[in-house]
Amino acid sequence: MIKKWSGVQKHKAIFILALSIVFTNTLISYDNTIKLIYNRQFVIHSHKFITQLQIIQSTLQYTENTQRNYIITFDIEALKAYNRGYEESDRHLQNLSKLIGNNPQKQQWFSLLKQKISNRFNTLRQEIYLKENQGLPATQELILSKQDKKIGKEIQQLIEDSLKTEQNLLQQELQKSQAIYQKAVIRFLMTVVLHLLLVALLYKLLCNYVKQLQQADEKIREQNLLLDVAKDAIIVQNIDNKILFWNQAAQSLYGWKVEEAVGKNIKQLLYQGSPQIEDAYLSVMNTGEWRGELYQMTKEGKEIIVESRWVLLPDDNGQLKSILSVNTEITQQKQLETQLLRSQRLESIGSLTSGIVHDLNNLLSPILMSVQFLQKKFPDPQSQKVLQTLENNVKRSANLLKQILTFARGIESKRRIFEIQPLMAEIEEIIVQTFPESIICQIDIPKNLWHVRGDATQVHQVLMNLVVNARDAMPDGGILRIIAENVVIGEHSAEINIDAKVGSYIAIVVTDTGMGISPEVQERIFEPFFTTKDVSKGTGLGLSTTLGIIKNHGGFVNLYSQVGRGSQFTVYLPALTSRETPSFSLELESVTGEG
């Protein structure tokens, strides 16, 4: 049974046939063109050769005539004309030699002609010599000699034979050119007719093809309209992750227009190296479908969460062709769930705070009394210094417990104007006395720092949290550096950091050379109860409390860290540049039990 050709196969066959005809005609035209060019060059060269030979012939005749005139009349002008003819003959012979080129036959003929012309000129010069020295009778005898007449006839015969031969060759080449030209015209007319037939056939096929394309486009347009009506983002990608289709809902969700998205790599456009896409891709290739949650990026760089359904689409031959994905944004829903869980945790913590504070306050009372007793028992300066530090920290702990209770009850703490230098001095003393010797502390606090309005105890807590975290990040030792400086933030800097406002700040930079923080952990490091430490070593409230205190003071904090190269926290606190009298008093109250 003969298999019927498909439309694509027919198009290919006709295209190959047309290409073959065009190629054949091109070769024929090229061959005819080369022949015509060769004939034209030969005709031009032949014309030049004949012309140059005729010039030589006329020049020789002119030279002999002027020589005879001089012999008869003895006129000097005739002698001059003879000399000019001699020189022109020599120049024309050189030109004729160039035209002959490398033709062996013509070179042989030219050598003979040149030799005879040279002999002829020698005879003419001899005749002039006899005329000038022996008179006309001696000259006439030489002129009338057989040798003289023979040389002249041989030269004329050589020139005429050559002219006749060259003219015959020229005529033959002209006839060949005419024949080639006629064949070329006939072939051209045949080619035109054949090409017109091909054009008509291709036009008919093209009309059918365009009609099929229009029908296919109309069908695709109807399908696209149905897909654009859908509220979910619908994306079709090929096996190489190139986007093939992008509906209006996808444009609204992600921000990229259809012409911006189609043809791009979906991994680079939406996921930017996320490992989730690899798991989804492997699953859909193995099972044919996949369903789950994905983190994606919009055009503005905003991270969103979508519920995604993937389906593997084969082509007409059953080969894997593309992947259809339907994405529904659930970012707000997930955020509400997270906020609800966080609110429930914070509510539980708030209800427990009061009882925990009371119990801890009762535990601090005997510690403080013991310290006061030891101060009386050990009056030496070294013991007194250590006990005084212990007493100050116990009282500060009591103040922190009171602050936590106040925060839980929603009562604002008292704000006063104070200086940073005394706080840093106390922090340095605690570091020296309690931190391992393997940690080197470097503190640089200038004396001209501006003042801060706020709660000194809370700021002290912020700094202690940061230095303790720095210590924990350097278990094998390292360098802990604390620097403070006056900073003025302008409009450009405020636009870069969303929490910053234009104004004067004191920047406190705490830097360590520890393990560093990965980008994944940096994103969650200020969340309550998030910690990378063991349960027995951290609660995850230190940095969240720190951030809350800083924002409560109208400031903000920046973090820069690289894994293996340490971390840097920069705390910005609004500063007072006017010379107001600071009231540095932490009010270390006595610890009394509250039951």
Protein backbone atom coordinates (compact mmCIF):
# COMPACT_ATOMS: atom_id res chain seq x y z
CA MET A 1 0.00 0.00 0.00
CA ILE A 2 1.39 3.39 -1.01
CA LYS A 3 1.69 5.75 1.94
CA LYS A 4 0.13 9.14 1.34
CA TRP A 5 2.42 12.13 1.75
CA SER A 6 1.65 14.61 4.49
CA GLY A 7 1.42 18.37 3.91
CA VAL A 8 4.85 18.95 5.43
CA GLN A 9 6.43 16.30 3.18
CA LYS A 10 4.84 17.87 0.11
CA HIS A 11 6.20 21.26 1.08
CA LYS A 12 9.65 19.81 1.57
CA ALA A 13 9.59 18.03 -1.82
CA ILE A 14 8.48 21.17 -3.67
CA PHE A 15 11.06 23.25 -1.83
CA ILE A 16 13.83 20.81 -2.80
CA LEU A 17 12.63 20.80 -6.42
CA ALA A 18 12.58 24.61 -6.55
CA LEU A 19 15.99 24.77 -4.93
CA SER A 20 17.39 22.27 -7.47
CA ILE A 21 16.02 24.27 -10.42
CA VAL A 22 17.41 27.52 -9.06
CA PHE A 23 20.78 25.90 -8.43
CA THR A 24 20.92 24.39 -11.95
CA ASN A 25 19.98 27.69 -13.57
CA THR A 26 22.60 29.42 -11.49
CA LEU A 27 25.30 27.03 -12.71
CA ILE A 28 24.24 27.44 -16.34
CA SER A 29 24.12 31.21 -16.02
CA TYR A 30 27.51 31.19 -14.36
CA ASP A 31 29.01 29.07 -17.17
CA ASN A 32 27.54 31.34 -19.87
CA THR A 33 28.72 34.43 -18.05
CA ILE A 34 32.28 33.10 -17.77
CA LYS A 35 32.31 32.27 -21.51
CA LEU A 36 30.99 35.71 -22.45
CA ILE A 37 33.56 37.38 -20.24
CA TYR A 38 36.36 35.33 -21.83
CA ASN A 39 35.14 36.12 -25.37
CA ARG A 40 34.86 39.78 -24.54
CA GLN A 41 38.39 39.86 -23.18
CA PHE A 42 39.67 38.05 -26.28
CA VAL A 43 37.84 40.48 -28.60
CA ILE A 44 39.22 43.50 -26.76
CA HIS A 45 42.74 42.08 -26.83
CA SER A 46 42.44 41.18 -30.51
CA HIS A 47 41.24 44.68 -31.37
CA LYS A 48 44.18 46.18 -29.55
CA PHE A 49 46.60 43.82 -31.31
CA ILE A 50 45.21 44.64 -34.78
CA THR A 51 45.20 48.37 -34.04
CA GLN A 52 48.78 48.32 -32.76
CA LEU A 53 49.95 46.31 -35.77
CA GLN A 54 48.27 48.75 -38.16
CA ILE A 55 49.94 51.66 -36.35
CA ILE A 56 53.34 49.99 -36.75
CA GLN A 57 52.65 49.40 -40.43
CA SER A 58 51.69 53.06 -41.02
CA THR A 59 54.61 54.32 -38.93
CA LEU A 60 57.10 52.26 -40.95
CA GLN A 61 55.61 53.61 -44.18
CA TYR A 62 55.79 57.16 -42.84
CA THR A 63 59.41 56.71 -41.75
CA GLU A 64 60.49 55.40 -45.20
CA ASN A 65 58.69 58.27 -46.95
CA THR A 66 60.40 60.93 -44.79
CA GLN A 67 63.76 59.20 -45.35
CA ARG A 68 63.29 59.24 -49.15
CA ASN A 69 62.23 62.88 -48.99
CA TYR A 70 65.40 63.75 -47.11
CA ILE A 71 67.59 61.90 -49.60
CA ILE A 72 66.00 63.67 -52.55
CA THR A 73 65.62 67.21 -51.11
CA PHE A 74 68.25 67.11 -48.39
CA ASP A 75 65.70 68.95 -46.16
CA ILE A 76 66.54 69.05 -42.44
CA GLU A 77 62.85 68.95 -41.47
CA ALA A 78 62.45 65.70 -43.38
CA LEU A 79 65.39 64.25 -41.42
CA LYS A 80 63.78 65.30 -38.17
CA ALA A 81 60.50 63.65 -39.21
CA TYR A 82 62.43 60.46 -40.04
CA ASN A 83 64.03 60.42 -36.56
CA ARG A 84 60.62 60.89 -34.94
CA GLY A 85 59.24 58.02 -37.00
CA TYR A 86 62.13 55.83 -35.91
CA GLU A 87 61.50 56.57 -32.23
CA GLU A 88 57.74 56.03 -32.56
CA SER A 89 58.32 52.71 -34.30
CA ASP A 90 60.47 51.53 -31.41
CA ARG A 91 57.79 52.59 -28.86
CA HIS A 92 55.01 50.89 -30.83
CA LEU A 93 57.05 47.70 -30.99
CA GLN A 94 57.36 47.73 -27.19
CA ASN A 95 53.59 48.13 -26.85
CA LEU A 96 53.06 45.24 -29.27
CA SER A 97 55.41 43.09 -27.20
CA LYS A 98 53.28 43.72 -24.10
CA LEU A 99 50.10 42.71 -25.94
CA ILE A 100 51.66 39.44 -27.09
CA GLY A 101 52.43 38.43 -23.50
CA ASN A 102 53.24 34.73 -23.06
CA ASN A 103 51.86 33.50 -26.42
CA PRO A 104 54.72 31.31 -27.84
CA GLN A 105 53.63 31.55 -31.50
CA LYS A 106 53.23 35.30 -31.43
CA GLN A 107 56.50 35.71 -29.55
CA GLN A 108 58.33 33.81 -32.29
CA TRP A 109 56.59 35.88 -34.99
CA PHE A 110 57.35 39.11 -33.11
CA SER A 111 61.04 38.26 -32.80
CA LEU A 112 61.26 37.74 -36.57
CA LEU A 113 59.36 40.97 -37.27
CA LYS A 114 61.46 42.97 -34.85
CA GLN A 115 64.67 41.64 -36.43
CA LYS A 116 63.56 42.51 -39.95
CA ILE A 117 62.41 46.02 -38.89
CA SER A 118 65.77 46.51 -37.22
CA ASN A 119 67.53 45.45 -40.45
CA ARG A 120 65.29 47.79 -42.42
CA PHE A 121 66.20 50.75 -40.21
CA ASN A 122 69.90 49.86 -40.54
CA THR A 123 69.52 50.00 -44.33
CA LEU A 124 67.73 53.37 -44.11
CA ARG A 125 70.49 54.78 -41.94
CA GLN A 126 73.12 53.44 -44.38
CA GLU A 127 71.35 55.19 -47.27
CA ILE A 128 71.37 58.48 -45.35
CA TYR A 129 75.07 58.01 -44.63
CA LEU A 130 75.88 57.40 -48.33
CA LYS A 131 73.85 60.45 -49.34
CA GLU A 132 75.65 62.69 -46.89
CA ASN A 133 79.17 61.35 -47.73
CA GLN A 134 79.19 59.96 -51.31
CA GLY A 135 76.30 61.70 -53.00
CA LEU A 136 73.07 60.64 -54.65
CA PRO A 137 74.43 58.10 -57.22
CA ALA A 138 75.82 55.79 -54.53
CA THR A 139 72.58 56.09 -52.60
CA GLN A 140 70.43 55.28 -55.62
CA GLU A 141 72.42 52.11 -56.25
CA LEU A 142 71.65 50.88 -52.71
CA ILE A 143 68.01 51.91 -52.91
CA LEU A 144 67.46 50.05 -56.16
CA SER A 145 69.23 46.89 -54.94
CA LYS A 146 67.27 43.63 -54.63
CA GLN A 147 68.18 43.23 -50.94
CA ASP A 148 66.55 46.54 -50.05
CA LYS A 149 63.31 45.68 -51.82
CA LYS A 150 63.28 42.17 -50.35
CA ILE A 151 63.44 43.36 -46.71
CA GLY A 152 60.57 45.83 -47.24
CA LYS A 153 58.37 43.18 -48.83
CA GLU A 154 59.10 40.63 -46.05
CA ILE A 155 58.08 43.14 -43.37
CA GLN A 156 54.84 43.99 -45.19
CA GLN A 157 54.13 40.29 -45.73
CA LEU A 158 54.66 39.45 -42.04
CA ILE A 159 52.35 42.27 -40.93
CA GLU A 160 49.62 41.47 -43.45
CA ASP A 161 49.69 37.74 -42.69
CA SER A 162 49.40 38.44 -38.99
CA LEU A 163 46.57 40.93 -39.53
CA LYS A 164 44.68 38.43 -41.64
CA THR A 165 45.12 35.62 -39.09
CA GLU A 166 44.07 37.84 -36.14
CA GLN A 167 41.03 39.15 -38.01
CA ASN A 168 39.93 35.57 -38.76
CA LEU A 169 40.29 34.64 -35.07
CA LEU A 170 38.39 37.77 -34.08
CA GLN A 171 35.56 36.88 -36.46
CA GLN A 172 35.37 33.35 -35.02
CA GLU A 173 35.18 34.63 -31.45
CA LEU A 174 32.46 37.12 -32.37
CA GLN A 175 30.46 34.27 -33.88
CA LYS A 176 30.96 32.21 -30.70
CA SER A 177 29.81 35.13 -28.53
CA GLN A 178 26.72 35.53 -30.68
CA ALA A 179 25.91 31.83 -30.34
CA ILE A 180 26.43 31.89 -26.55
CA TYR A 181 24.29 34.99 -26.28
CA GLN A 182 21.45 33.38 -28.23
CA LYS A 183 21.60 30.24 -26.08
CA ALA A 184 21.62 32.39 -22.94
CA VAL A 185 18.51 34.26 -24.08
CA ILE A 186 16.69 31.01 -24.84
CA ARG A 187 17.68 29.53 -21.47
CA PHE A 188 16.65 32.72 -19.74
CA LEU A 189 13.20 32.61 -21.32
CA MET A 190 12.83 28.95 -20.36
CA THR A 191 13.96 29.76 -16.81
CA VAL A 192 11.43 32.59 -16.56
CA VAL A 193 8.61 30.30 -17.64
CA LEU A 194 9.73 27.58 -15.22
CA HIS A 195 10.06 30.04 -12.37
CA LEU A 196 6.61 31.43 -13.06
CA LEU A 197 5.18 27.93 -12.82
CA LEU A 198 7.03 27.36 -9.53
CA VAL A 199 5.84 30.69 -8.18
CA ALA A 200 2.25 29.81 -9.05
CA LEU A 201 2.59 26.42 -7.35
CA LEU A 202 4.26 27.87 -4.27
CA TYR A 203 1.66 30.62 -4.09
CA LYS A 204 -1.11 28.05 -4.04
CA LEU A 205 0.64 26.04 -1.33
CA LEU A 206 1.34 29.21 0.63
CA CYS A 207 -2.33 30.20 0.48
CA ASN A 208 -3.33 26.79 1.82
CA TYR A 209 -0.65 26.99 4.53
CA VAL A 210 -1.72 30.50 5.56
CA LYS A 211 -5.31 29.33 5.74
CA GLN A 212 -4.30 26.45 8.01
CA LEU A 213 -2.26 28.82 10.17
CA GLN A 214 -5.19 31.21 10.46
CA GLN A 215 -7.44 28.37 11.56
CA ALA A 216 -4.82 27.22 14.10
CA ASP A 217 -4.30 30.79 15.35
CA GLU A 218 -8.04 31.24 15.73
CA LYS A 219 -8.23 28.07 17.77
CA ILE A 220 -5.26 29.10 19.91
CA ARG A 221 -6.79 32.58 20.38
CA GLU A 222 -10.02 31.05 21.64
CA GLN A 223 -8.09 28.84 24.05
CA ASN A 224 -6.02 31.81 25.26
CA LEU A 225 -9.17 33.82 25.92
CA LEU A 226 -10.51 30.99 28.04
CA LEU A 227 -7.20 30.77 29.93
CA ASP A 228 -7.02 34.55 30.43
CA VAL A 229 -10.47 34.53 32.03
CA ALA A 230 -9.12 32.23 34.77
CA LYS A 231 -8.14 33.92 38.03
CA ASP A 232 -5.23 31.57 38.64
CA ALA A 233 -1.81 32.13 37.08
CA ILE A 234 -1.45 29.59 34.24
CA ILE A 235 2.04 28.97 32.85
CA VAL A 236 3.26 26.51 30.21
CA GLN A 237 6.99 25.73 30.07
CA ASN A 238 8.94 23.33 27.88
CA ILE A 239 11.30 20.62 29.12
CA ASP A 240 14.20 23.11 29.06
CA ASN A 241 12.26 25.45 31.45
CA LYS A 242 11.57 28.04 28.72
CA ILE A 243 8.21 29.79 29.21
CA LEU A 244 5.82 29.11 26.29
CA PHE A 245 2.56 30.57 27.64
CA TRP A 246 1.80 33.26 30.25
CA ASN A 247 -1.83 34.26 30.89
CA GLN A 248 -3.18 37.61 32.14
CA ALA A 249 -3.54 36.34 35.70
CA ALA A 250 0.18 35.45 35.72
CA GLN A 251 0.97 38.95 34.47
CA SER A 252 -1.10 40.47 37.30
CA LEU A 253 0.40 38.20 39.94
CA TYR A 254 4.10 38.43 39.03
CA GLY A 255 4.29 41.83 37.31
CA TRP A 256 5.99 40.64 34.10
CA LYS A 257 4.12 41.28 30.87
CA VAL A 258 3.53 38.46 28.41
CA GLU A 259 6.23 39.66 25.99
CA GLU A 260 8.70 39.98 28.89
CA ALA A 261 8.07 36.48 30.24
CA VAL A 262 7.66 34.28 27.14
CA GLY A 263 11.00 32.78 26.12
CA LYS A 264 12.65 33.37 29.50
CA ASN A 265 13.94 30.65 31.85
CA ILE A 266 11.27 30.14 34.52
CA LYS A 267 13.87 29.20 37.15
CA GLN A 268 15.71 32.49 36.76
CA LEU A 269 12.49 34.50 36.47
CA LEU A 270 10.48 33.20 39.44
CA TYR A 271 12.69 31.03 41.64
CA GLN A 272 16.24 32.46 41.46
CA GLY A 273 18.02 29.30 42.60
CA SER A 274 15.33 27.94 44.96
CA PRO A 275 15.80 24.17 45.57
CA GLN A 276 12.00 23.65 45.67
CA ILE A 277 11.74 23.80 41.90
CA GLU A 278 14.12 20.84 41.48
CA ASP A 279 11.96 18.61 43.68
CA ALA A 280 8.81 19.63 41.82
CA TYR A 281 10.48 19.09 38.44
CA LEU A 282 11.71 15.58 39.34
CA SER A 283 8.31 14.63 40.73
CA VAL A 284 6.34 15.74 37.66
CA MET A 285 8.81 14.00 35.32
CA ASN A 286 8.49 10.73 37.27
CA THR A 287 4.76 10.70 38.04
CA GLY A 288 3.28 13.09 35.46
CA GLU A 289 1.91 15.53 38.04
CA TRP A 290 2.83 17.40 41.23
CA ARG A 291 1.03 19.52 43.83
CA GLY A 292 2.45 21.62 46.63
CA GLU A 293 3.49 25.05 47.92
CA LEU A 294 6.24 27.12 46.28
CA TYR A 295 8.06 30.32 47.21
CA GLN A 296 8.34 32.61 44.16
CA MET A 297 9.63 36.10 43.36
CA THR A 298 7.71 38.90 41.63
CA LYS A 299 9.19 41.48 39.28
CA GLU A 300 9.53 43.94 42.19
CA GLY A 301 11.56 41.38 44.19
CA LYS A 302 8.69 40.53 46.56
CA GLU A 303 8.51 36.94 47.79
CA ILE A 304 5.12 35.28 47.50
CA ILE A 305 3.76 31.85 48.36
CA VAL A 306 1.61 29.96 45.83
CA GLU A 307 -0.25 26.70 45.83
CA SER A 308 0.91 25.09 42.59
CA ARG A 309 -0.43 22.20 40.48
CA TRP A 310 1.79 20.78 37.73
CA VAL A 311 0.78 18.48 34.86
CA LEU A 312 3.11 16.94 32.25
CA LEU A 313 1.86 17.42 28.66
CA PRO A 314 3.04 15.08 25.81
CA ASP A 315 3.05 15.96 22.09
CA ASP A 316 1.18 14.17 19.27
CA ASN A 317 3.86 11.46 19.11
CA GLY A 318 3.73 10.78 22.84
CA GLN A 319 7.06 12.50 23.54
CA LEU A 320 7.42 14.76 26.59
CA LYS A 321 6.81 18.31 25.39
CA SER A 322 5.82 20.77 28.13
CA ILE A 323 4.61 21.30 31.70
CA LEU A 324 1.37 23.10 32.58
CA SER A 325 1.33 24.78 36.00
CA VAL A 326 -1.61 26.50 37.73
CA ASN A 327 -0.59 28.78 40.62
CA THR A 328 -2.86 30.29 43.29
CA GLU A 329 -1.37 32.91 45.62
CA ILE A 330 -1.76 32.09 49.33
CA THR A 331 0.78 34.58 50.73
CA GLN A 332 -1.75 36.55 52.77
CA GLN A 333 -3.39 33.38 54.03
CA LYS A 334 -0.02 31.99 55.22
CA GLN A 335 0.85 35.33 56.85
CA LEU A 336 -2.46 35.39 58.73
CA GLU A 337 -1.83 31.86 59.93
CA THR A 338 1.68 32.78 61.10
CA GLN A 339 0.43 35.94 62.84
CA LEU A 340 -2.32 33.99 64.57
CA LEU A 341 0.16 31.41 65.88
CA ARG A 342 2.56 34.16 66.98
CA SER A 343 -0.22 36.06 68.75
CA GLN A 344 -1.28 32.92 70.56
CA ARG A 345 2.31 32.28 71.69
CA LEU A 346 2.81 35.88 72.82
CA GLU A 347 -0.51 35.85 74.66
CA SER A 348 0.56 32.71 76.49
CA ILE A 349 3.92 34.23 77.31
CA GLY A 350 2.28 37.44 78.58
CA SER A 351 0.01 35.51 80.93
CA LEU A 352 3.02 33.68 82.40
CA THR A 353 5.27 36.73 82.65
CA SER A 354 3.90 38.19 85.90
CA GLY A 355 4.25 34.96 87.89
CA ILE A 356 7.75 34.28 86.53
CA VAL A 357 8.91 37.83 87.39
CA HIS A 358 7.61 37.54 90.95
CA ASP A 359 9.38 34.22 91.46
CA LEU A 360 12.68 35.51 90.04
CA ASN A 361 12.43 38.65 92.16
CA ASN A 362 12.04 36.53 95.28
CA LEU A 363 15.13 34.53 94.23
CA LEU A 364 17.21 37.71 93.86
CA SER A 365 16.40 38.99 97.36
CA PRO A 366 18.57 36.49 99.29
CA ILE A 367 21.36 36.90 96.72
CA LEU A 368 21.45 40.65 97.33
CA MET A 369 21.41 40.19 101.11
CA SER A 370 24.25 37.68 100.82
CA VAL A 371 26.27 40.15 98.79
CA GLN A 372 25.74 42.88 101.39
CA PHE A 373 26.81 40.45 104.11
CA LEU A 374 29.96 39.49 102.18
CA GLN A 375 30.82 43.15 101.67
CA LYS A 376 31.05 43.58 105.44
CA LYS A 377 32.98 40.34 105.91
CA PHE A 378 35.59 40.95 103.19
CA PRO A 379 36.63 44.61 103.33
CA ASP A 380 39.72 44.23 101.07
CA PRO A 381 39.57 46.32 97.82
CA GLN A 382 39.67 43.41 95.40
CA SER A 383 36.78 41.60 97.07
CA GLN A 384 34.84 44.83 97.41
CA LYS A 385 35.24 45.49 93.67
CA VAL A 386 33.96 42.03 92.73
CA LEU A 387 31.08 42.20 95.22
CA GLN A 388 30.14 45.67 94.03
CA THR A 389 29.93 44.41 90.45
CA LEU A 390 27.80 41.50 91.65
CA GLU A 391 25.51 43.84 93.57
CA ASN A 392 25.11 46.14 90.57
CA ASN A 393 24.20 43.23 88.29
CA VAL A 394 21.69 41.88 90.84
CA LYS A 395 20.03 45.27 91.04
CA ARG A 396 20.09 45.59 87.27
CA SER A 397 18.47 42.18 86.99
CA ALA A 398 15.77 43.40 89.32
CA ASN A 399 15.25 46.43 87.12
CA LEU A 400 15.08 44.21 84.02
CA LEU A 401 12.44 42.04 85.70
CA LYS A 402 10.50 45.15 86.55
CA GLN A 403 10.89 46.32 82.95
CA ILE A 404 9.57 43.00 81.61
CA LEU A 405 6.60 43.24 83.93
CA THR A 406 6.01 46.81 82.83
CA PHE A 407 6.26 45.78 79.14
CA ALA A 408 3.83 42.90 79.69
CA ARG A 409 1.34 45.28 81.30
CA GLY A 410 1.73 47.80 78.50
CA ILE A 411 3.20 50.61 80.63
CA GLU A 412 5.75 52.97 79.03
CA SER A 413 9.18 53.08 80.65
CA LYS A 414 10.61 56.41 81.78
CA ARG A 415 12.81 58.22 79.25
CA ARG A 416 15.77 60.34 80.28
CA ILE A 417 18.70 61.98 78.53
CA PHE A 418 21.88 59.96 79.10
CA GLU A 419 25.34 59.32 77.66
CA ILE A 420 26.60 56.15 76.01
CA GLN A 421 30.15 56.26 77.47
CA PRO A 422 29.24 55.10 81.02
CA LEU A 423 27.17 52.25 79.62
CA MET A 424 30.07 51.14 77.44
CA ALA A 425 32.46 51.34 80.39
CA GLU A 426 30.28 48.99 82.42
CA ILE A 427 29.87 46.63 79.42
CA GLU A 428 33.66 46.55 79.03
CA GLU A 429 34.10 45.71 82.73
CA ILE A 430 31.65 42.81 82.46
CA ILE A 431 33.42 41.52 79.34
CA VAL A 432 36.84 41.63 80.99
CA GLN A 433 35.61 39.85 84.15
CA THR A 434 33.34 37.20 82.62
CA PHE A 435 34.37 36.50 79.01
CA PRO A 436 37.08 33.91 78.15
CA GLU A 437 40.62 35.19 77.82
CA SER A 438 40.70 33.87 74.23
CA ILE A 439 38.35 36.71 73.25
CA ILE A 440 40.12 40.03 72.72
CA CYS A 441 37.90 43.05 73.33
CA GLN A 442 38.55 46.32 71.46
CA ILE A 443 36.35 49.31 72.36
CA ASP A 444 36.61 52.71 70.70
CA ILE A 445 34.17 55.27 72.14
CA PRO A 446 34.92 58.95 71.30
CA LYS A 447 34.32 61.60 73.95
CA ASN A 448 32.29 63.87 71.69
CA LEU A 449 29.34 61.46 71.27
CA TRP A 450 25.92 63.04 71.26
CA HIS A 451 23.33 62.25 73.93
CA VAL A 452 20.44 59.80 73.75
CA ARG A 453 16.93 60.16 75.18
CA GLY A 454 15.61 56.82 76.31
CA ASP A 455 15.77 54.11 78.91
CA ALA A 456 19.40 53.44 79.83
CA THR A 457 18.57 50.03 81.28
CA GLN A 458 16.96 48.92 78.03
CA VAL A 459 19.90 50.19 75.96
CA HIS A 460 22.22 48.34 78.35
CA GLN A 461 20.18 45.20 77.71
CA VAL A 462 20.52 45.69 73.94
CA LEU A 463 24.32 45.94 74.15
CA MET A 464 24.59 42.98 76.51
CA ASN A 465 22.51 40.80 74.17
CA LEU A 466 24.75 41.71 71.23
CA VAL A 467 28.08 41.11 73.03
CA VAL A 468 26.84 37.82 74.52
CA ASN A 469 25.81 36.62 71.05
CA ALA A 470 29.23 37.67 69.75
CA ARG A 471 30.89 35.67 72.53
CA ASP A 472 28.82 32.58 71.71
CA ALA A 473 29.77 32.94 68.02
CA MET A 474 33.49 32.66 68.93
CA PRO A 475 33.83 29.44 70.98
CA ASP A 476 37.52 29.16 70.00
CA GLY A 477 38.25 32.83 70.65
CA GLY A 478 38.50 35.84 68.43
CA ILE A 479 38.21 39.62 68.39
CA LEU A 480 35.18 41.50 69.73
CA ARG A 481 35.16 45.10 68.53
CA ILE A 482 32.73 47.82 69.71
CA ILE A 483 32.76 51.22 68.02
CA ALA A 484 30.43 54.23 68.39
CA GLU A 485 30.20 57.37 66.29
CA ASN A 486 27.91 60.28 65.44
CA VAL A 487 26.01 59.82 62.17
CA VAL A 488 23.69 62.08 60.17
CA ILE A 489 21.29 60.24 57.84
CA GLY A 490 20.12 62.12 54.76
CA GLU A 491 17.15 61.57 52.45
CA HIS A 492 19.01 59.16 50.15
CA SER A 493 20.08 56.88 53.02
CA ALA A 494 16.59 57.03 54.49
CA GLU A 495 15.12 55.84 51.20
CA ILE A 496 17.47 52.83 51.15
CA ASN A 497 16.51 51.66 54.67
CA ILE A 498 12.78 51.51 55.28
CA ASP A 499 13.17 51.91 59.07
CA ALA A 500 15.46 54.95 58.85
CA LYS A 501 14.35 58.55 59.07
CA VAL A 502 16.24 61.72 58.26
CA GLY A 503 18.12 63.03 61.31
CA SER A 504 21.03 62.61 63.75
CA TYR A 505 21.92 59.22 65.19
CA ILE A 506 24.51 57.50 67.33
CA ALA A 507 25.74 54.37 65.54
CA ILE A 508 27.01 51.58 67.79
CA VAL A 509 28.82 48.84 65.83
CA VAL A 510 29.40 45.42 67.44
CA THR A 511 31.68 43.21 65.32
CA ASP A 512 32.97 39.69 65.92
CA THR A 513 35.24 37.32 63.99
CA GLY A 514 33.15 34.26 64.70
CA MET A 515 31.27 31.69 62.67
CA GLY A 516 29.03 34.13 60.81
CA ILE A 517 25.34 33.78 59.93
CA SER A 518 23.96 32.15 56.78
CA PRO A 519 21.48 34.13 54.58
CA GLU A 520 18.65 31.73 55.53
CA VAL A 521 19.18 32.36 59.24
CA GLN A 522 19.57 36.14 58.71
CA GLU A 523 16.02 36.27 57.36
CA ARG A 524 14.61 34.89 60.63
CA ILE A 525 17.15 35.99 63.19
CA PHE A 526 14.92 38.69 64.75
CA GLU A 527 11.84 36.44 65.00
CA PRO A 528 10.68 35.60 68.55
CA PHE A 529 11.75 32.16 69.76
CA PHE A 530 13.91 31.53 66.70
CA THR A 531 17.36 30.33 67.75
CA THR A 532 20.18 28.19 66.40
CA LYS A 533 21.45 27.39 69.90
CA ASP A 534 20.58 24.33 71.97
CA VAL A 535 17.45 24.47 74.08
CA SER A 536 19.55 24.73 77.24
CA LYS A 537 21.58 27.68 75.90
CA GLY A 538 19.02 30.04 74.35
CA THR A 539 15.33 30.90 74.17
CA GLY A 540 15.28 32.89 70.92
CA LEU A 541 14.08 36.05 72.68
CA GLY A 542 17.39 37.96 72.84
CA LEU A 543 17.50 39.53 69.37
CA SER A 544 13.70 39.91 69.13
CA THR A 545 13.77 41.84 72.42
CA THR A 546 16.75 43.84 71.15
CA LEU A 547 14.90 44.80 67.97
CA GLY A 548 11.80 45.75 69.94
CA ILE A 549 13.78 48.04 72.25
CA ILE A 550 15.62 49.70 69.37
CA LYS A 551 12.40 50.37 67.44
CA ASN A 552 10.71 51.60 70.65
CA HIS A 553 13.49 54.21 70.88
CA GLY A 554 12.89 55.27 67.23
CA GLY A 555 16.02 53.58 65.91
CA PHE A 556 16.85 50.68 63.64
CA VAL A 557 19.50 47.98 63.24
CA ASN A 558 21.50 46.67 60.27
CA LEU A 559 23.15 43.26 60.00
CA TYR A 560 26.03 42.22 57.77
CA SER A 561 27.49 38.72 58.04
CA GLN A 562 29.37 36.11 56.04
CA VAL A 563 29.68 32.47 57.01
CA GLY A 564 33.14 31.83 58.42
CA ARG A 565 34.10 35.52 58.50
CA GLY A 566 32.07 36.92 61.40
CA SER A 567 29.12 39.27 61.89
CA GLN A 568 28.51 42.99 62.35
CA PHE A 569 25.46 44.50 64.06
CA THR A 570 25.04 48.27 63.71
CA VAL A 571 22.52 49.90 66.09
CA TYR A 572 21.25 53.38 65.19
CA LEU A 573 19.71 55.39 68.08
CA PRO A 574 18.24 58.90 67.57
CA ALA A 575 20.64 61.43 69.11
CA LEU A 576 20.29 64.86 70.74
CA THR A 577 22.90 67.24 69.37
CA SER A 578 22.00 70.11 71.76
CA ARG A 579 24.03 70.56 74.94
CA GLU A 580 21.45 69.40 77.47
CA THR A 581 22.63 68.09 80.83
CA PRO A 582 22.46 64.30 80.74
CA SER A 583 20.96 62.55 83.71
CA PHE A 584 22.78 59.25 83.73
CA SER A 585 21.08 57.26 86.46
CA LEU A 586 20.14 53.66 86.08
CA GLU A 587 18.30 53.75 89.42
CA LEU A 588 19.50 50.41 90.68
CA GLU A 589 16.70 49.75 93.09
CA SER A 590 16.80 47.37 95.98
CA VAL A 591 15.47 43.94 95.37
CA THR A 592 12.44 43.24 97.48
CA GLY A 593 10.24 40.26 97.29
CA GLU A 594 6.74 40.65 95.95
CA GLY A 595 5.50 37.31 96.94
